[in-house]
Amino acid sequence: MAYAVLTIAIVFEVIGTSLLMASQQFTRLWPTAGMAAAYLVSFYFLSQALNHLPLGIAYALWSGLGIVLTAAIGVVLFRQTLDAAALVGIGMIVGADRGIAVSGTVTGSA
């Protein structure tokens, strides 16, 4: 259940970051308001996940998967490009998060 709650936190963090781009430096009201709401929801669910997951594992998964998903949204929605170094870095983040997730399920929770 903790990983499901963490997944919700990640999804809302990615939504908030995408809306941050759409807010155009806080000059557009609704994307800015949506960004703030999404970040609040994300932090709420992250805090709930911390009831069952160690801080380091939860935060590493939240931030790492947020980076990967945000980069994908940047490519798809905002037509941004990723160079080879960015792709290698994202691959390393995915590998590290996979290792952390396995470690988190083996070593238990808080």
C-alpha atoms as a PDB file:
ATOM      1  CA  MET A   1       0.000   0.000   0.000  1.00  0.00           C
ATOM      2  CA  ALA A   2       2.857   2.396   0.772  1.00  0.00           C
ATOM      3  CA  TYR A   3       4.140   2.123  -2.797  1.00  0.00           C
ATOM      4  CA  ALA A   4       0.666   2.901  -4.176  1.00  0.00           C
ATOM      5  CA  VAL A   5       0.535   6.048  -2.041  1.00  0.00           C
ATOM      6  CA  LEU A   6       4.056   6.943  -3.176  1.00  0.00           C
ATOM      7  CA  THR A   7       2.970   6.444  -6.797  1.00  0.00           C
ATOM      8  CA  ILE A   8       0.176   8.977  -6.298  1.00  0.00           C
ATOM      9  CA  ALA A   9       2.730  11.408  -4.852  1.00  0.00           C
ATOM     10  CA  ILE A  10       4.982  10.911  -7.884  1.00  0.00           C
ATOM     11  CA  VAL A  11       2.145  11.436 -10.357  1.00  0.00           C
ATOM     12  CA  PHE A  12       1.116  14.708  -8.720  1.00  0.00           C
ATOM     13  CA  GLU A  13       4.742  15.882  -8.529  1.00  0.00           C
ATOM     14  CA  VAL A  14       5.062  15.317 -12.282  1.00  0.00           C
ATOM     15  CA  ILE A  15       1.770  17.123 -12.910  1.00  0.00           C
ATOM     16  CA  GLY A  16       2.952  20.036 -10.762  1.00  0.00           C
ATOM     17  CA  THR A  17       6.278  20.266 -12.563  1.00  0.00           C
ATOM     18  CA  SER A  18       4.566  20.127 -15.955  1.00  0.00           C
ATOM     19  CA  LEU A  19       2.224  22.909 -14.877  1.00  0.00           C
ATOM     20  CA  LEU A  20       5.231  24.892 -13.688  1.00  0.00           C
ATOM     21  CA  MET A  21       6.444  24.898 -17.289  1.00  0.00           C
ATOM     22  CA  ALA A  22       2.955  25.816 -18.518  1.00  0.00           C
ATOM     23  CA  SER A  23       2.676  28.664 -15.990  1.00  0.00           C
ATOM     24  CA  GLN A  24       5.304  30.600 -17.964  1.00  0.00           C
ATOM     25  CA  GLN A  25       7.124  31.872 -14.879  1.00  0.00           C
ATOM     26  CA  PHE A  26       3.901  32.328 -12.898  1.00  0.00           C
ATOM     27  CA  THR A  27       2.358  34.667 -15.475  1.00  0.00           C
ATOM     28  CA  ARG A  28      -0.626  32.402 -16.193  1.00  0.00           C
ATOM     29  CA  LEU A  29      -3.064  32.069 -13.308  1.00  0.00           C
ATOM     30  CA  TRP A  30      -4.631  28.638 -13.810  1.00  0.00           C
ATOM     31  CA  PRO A  31      -1.447  26.669 -14.538  1.00  0.00           C
ATOM     32  CA  THR A  32       0.146  28.394 -11.523  1.00  0.00           C
ATOM     33  CA  ALA A  33      -2.798  27.533  -9.262  1.00  0.00           C
ATOM     34  CA  GLY A  34      -2.856  23.964 -10.595  1.00  0.00           C
ATOM     35  CA  MET A  35       0.877  23.649  -9.979  1.00  0.00           C
ATOM     36  CA  ALA A  36       0.514  24.747  -6.358  1.00  0.00           C
ATOM     37  CA  ALA A  37      -2.392  22.354  -5.789  1.00  0.00           C
ATOM     38  CA  ALA A  38      -0.553  19.453  -7.423  1.00  0.00           C
ATOM     39  CA  TYR A  39       2.548  20.050  -5.290  1.00  0.00           C
ATOM     40  CA  LEU A  40       0.425  20.174  -2.123  1.00  0.00           C
ATOM     41  CA  VAL A  41      -1.253  16.882  -3.026  1.00  0.00           C
ATOM     42  CA  SER A  42       2.119  15.372  -3.894  1.00  0.00           C
ATOM     43  CA  PHE A  43       3.704  16.362  -0.583  1.00  0.00           C
ATOM     44  CA  TYR A  44       0.662  15.125   1.320  1.00  0.00           C
ATOM     45  CA  PHE A  45       0.888  11.671  -0.255  1.00  0.00           C
ATOM     46  CA  LEU A  46       4.677  11.624   0.141  1.00  0.00           C
ATOM     47  CA  SER A  47       4.202  12.334   3.846  1.00  0.00           C
ATOM     48  CA  GLN A  48       1.706   9.469   4.059  1.00  0.00           C
ATOM     49  CA  ALA A  49       4.135   7.102   2.342  1.00  0.00           C
ATOM     50  CA  LEU A  50       6.729   8.040   4.959  1.00  0.00           C
ATOM     51  CA  ASN A  51       4.557   6.337   7.575  1.00  0.00           C
ATOM     52  CA  HIS A  52       5.626   3.004   6.054  1.00  0.00           C
ATOM     53  CA  LEU A  53       8.772   3.645   4.002  1.00  0.00           C
ATOM     54  CA  PRO A  54      12.176   4.926   5.084  1.00  0.00           C
ATOM     55  CA  LEU A  55      12.789   8.559   4.118  1.00  0.00           C
ATOM     56  CA  GLY A  56      15.789   7.828   1.883  1.00  0.00           C
ATOM     57  CA  ILE A  57      13.978   5.176  -0.115  1.00  0.00           C
ATOM     58  CA  ALA A  58      10.740   7.136  -0.483  1.00  0.00           C
ATOM     59  CA  TYR A  59      12.512  10.347  -1.482  1.00  0.00           C
ATOM     60  CA  ALA A  60      14.872   8.611  -3.898  1.00  0.00           C
ATOM     61  CA  LEU A  61      11.961   6.955  -5.675  1.00  0.00           C
ATOM     62  CA  TRP A  62       9.831  10.122  -5.597  1.00  0.00           C
ATOM     63  CA  SER A  63      12.534  12.351  -7.019  1.00  0.00           C
ATOM     64  CA  GLY A  64      14.128   9.816  -9.375  1.00  0.00           C
ATOM     65  CA  LEU A  65      10.938   8.626 -11.003  1.00  0.00           C
ATOM     66  CA  GLY A  66       9.717  12.225 -11.078  1.00  0.00           C
ATOM     67  CA  ILE A  67      12.824  13.165 -13.071  1.00  0.00           C
ATOM     68  CA  VAL A  68      12.331  10.339 -15.555  1.00  0.00           C
ATOM     69  CA  LEU A  69       8.620  11.004 -16.079  1.00  0.00           C
ATOM     70  CA  THR A  70       9.121  14.762 -16.284  1.00  0.00           C
ATOM     71  CA  ALA A  71      11.811  14.298 -18.931  1.00  0.00           C
ATOM     72  CA  ALA A  72       9.426  12.090 -20.925  1.00  0.00           C
ATOM     73  CA  ILE A  73       6.674  14.700 -20.672  1.00  0.00           C
ATOM     74  CA  GLY A  74       9.142  17.362 -21.776  1.00  0.00           C
ATOM     75  CA  VAL A  75       9.885  15.342 -24.899  1.00  0.00           C
ATOM     76  CA  VAL A  76       6.253  14.532 -25.699  1.00  0.00           C
ATOM     77  CA  LEU A  77       4.363  17.680 -24.696  1.00  0.00           C
ATOM     78  CA  PHE A  78       6.963  20.427 -24.891  1.00  0.00           C
ATOM     79  CA  ARG A  79       8.930  19.039 -27.865  1.00  0.00           C
ATOM     80  CA  GLN A  80      12.203  19.128 -25.933  1.00  0.00           C
ATOM     81  CA  THR A  81      15.101  16.915 -26.958  1.00  0.00           C
ATOM     82  CA  LEU A  82      17.407  14.799 -24.843  1.00  0.00           C
ATOM     83  CA  ASP A  83      21.023  14.356 -25.857  1.00  0.00           C
ATOM     84  CA  ALA A  84      23.048  11.194 -25.283  1.00  0.00           C
ATOM     85  CA  ALA A  85      24.333  12.374 -21.904  1.00  0.00           C
ATOM     86  CA  ALA A  86      20.779  13.032 -20.707  1.00  0.00           C
ATOM     87  CA  LEU A  87      19.652   9.582 -21.849  1.00  0.00           C
ATOM     88  CA  VAL A  88      22.597   7.917 -20.094  1.00  0.00           C
ATOM     89  CA  GLY A  89      21.849   9.895 -16.922  1.00  0.00           C
ATOM     90  CA  ILE A  90      18.176   8.950 -17.035  1.00  0.00           C
ATOM     91  CA  GLY A  91      19.155   5.321 -17.529  1.00  0.00           C
ATOM     92  CA  MET A  92      21.359   5.539 -14.455  1.00  0.00           C
ATOM     93  CA  ILE A  93      18.501   7.049 -12.439  1.00  0.00           C
ATOM     94  CA  VAL A  94      16.191   4.214 -13.500  1.00  0.00           C
ATOM     95  CA  GLY A  95      18.823   1.657 -12.536  1.00  0.00           C
ATOM     96  CA  ALA A  96      19.453   3.309  -9.175  1.00  0.00           C
ATOM     97  CA  ASP A  97      15.742   3.571  -8.414  1.00  0.00           C
ATOM     98  CA  ARG A  98      15.276  -0.075  -9.266  1.00  0.00           C
ATOM     99  CA  GLY A  99      18.055  -0.983  -6.859  1.00  0.00           C
ATOM    100  CA  ILE A 100      16.617   1.264  -4.155  1.00  0.00           C
ATOM    101  CA  ALA A 101      13.128  -0.184  -4.574  1.00  0.00           C
ATOM    102  CA  VAL A 102      14.471  -3.727  -4.232  1.00  0.00           C
ATOM    103  CA  SER A 103      16.494  -2.664  -1.193  1.00  0.00           C
ATOM    104  CA  GLY A 104      13.432  -1.039   0.350  1.00  0.00           C
ATOM    105  CA  THR A 105      11.350  -4.179   0.037  1.00  0.00           C
ATOM    106  CA  VAL A 106      14.095  -6.350   1.503  1.00  0.00           C
ATOM    107  CA  THR A 107      15.225  -4.172   4.412  1.00  0.00           C
ATOM    108  CA  GLY A 108      11.769  -3.282   5.631  1.00  0.00           C
ATOM    109  CA  SER A 109      10.124  -0.047   6.610  1.00  0.00           C
ATOM    110  CA  ALA A 110      10.136   2.576   9.335  1.00  0.00           C
END
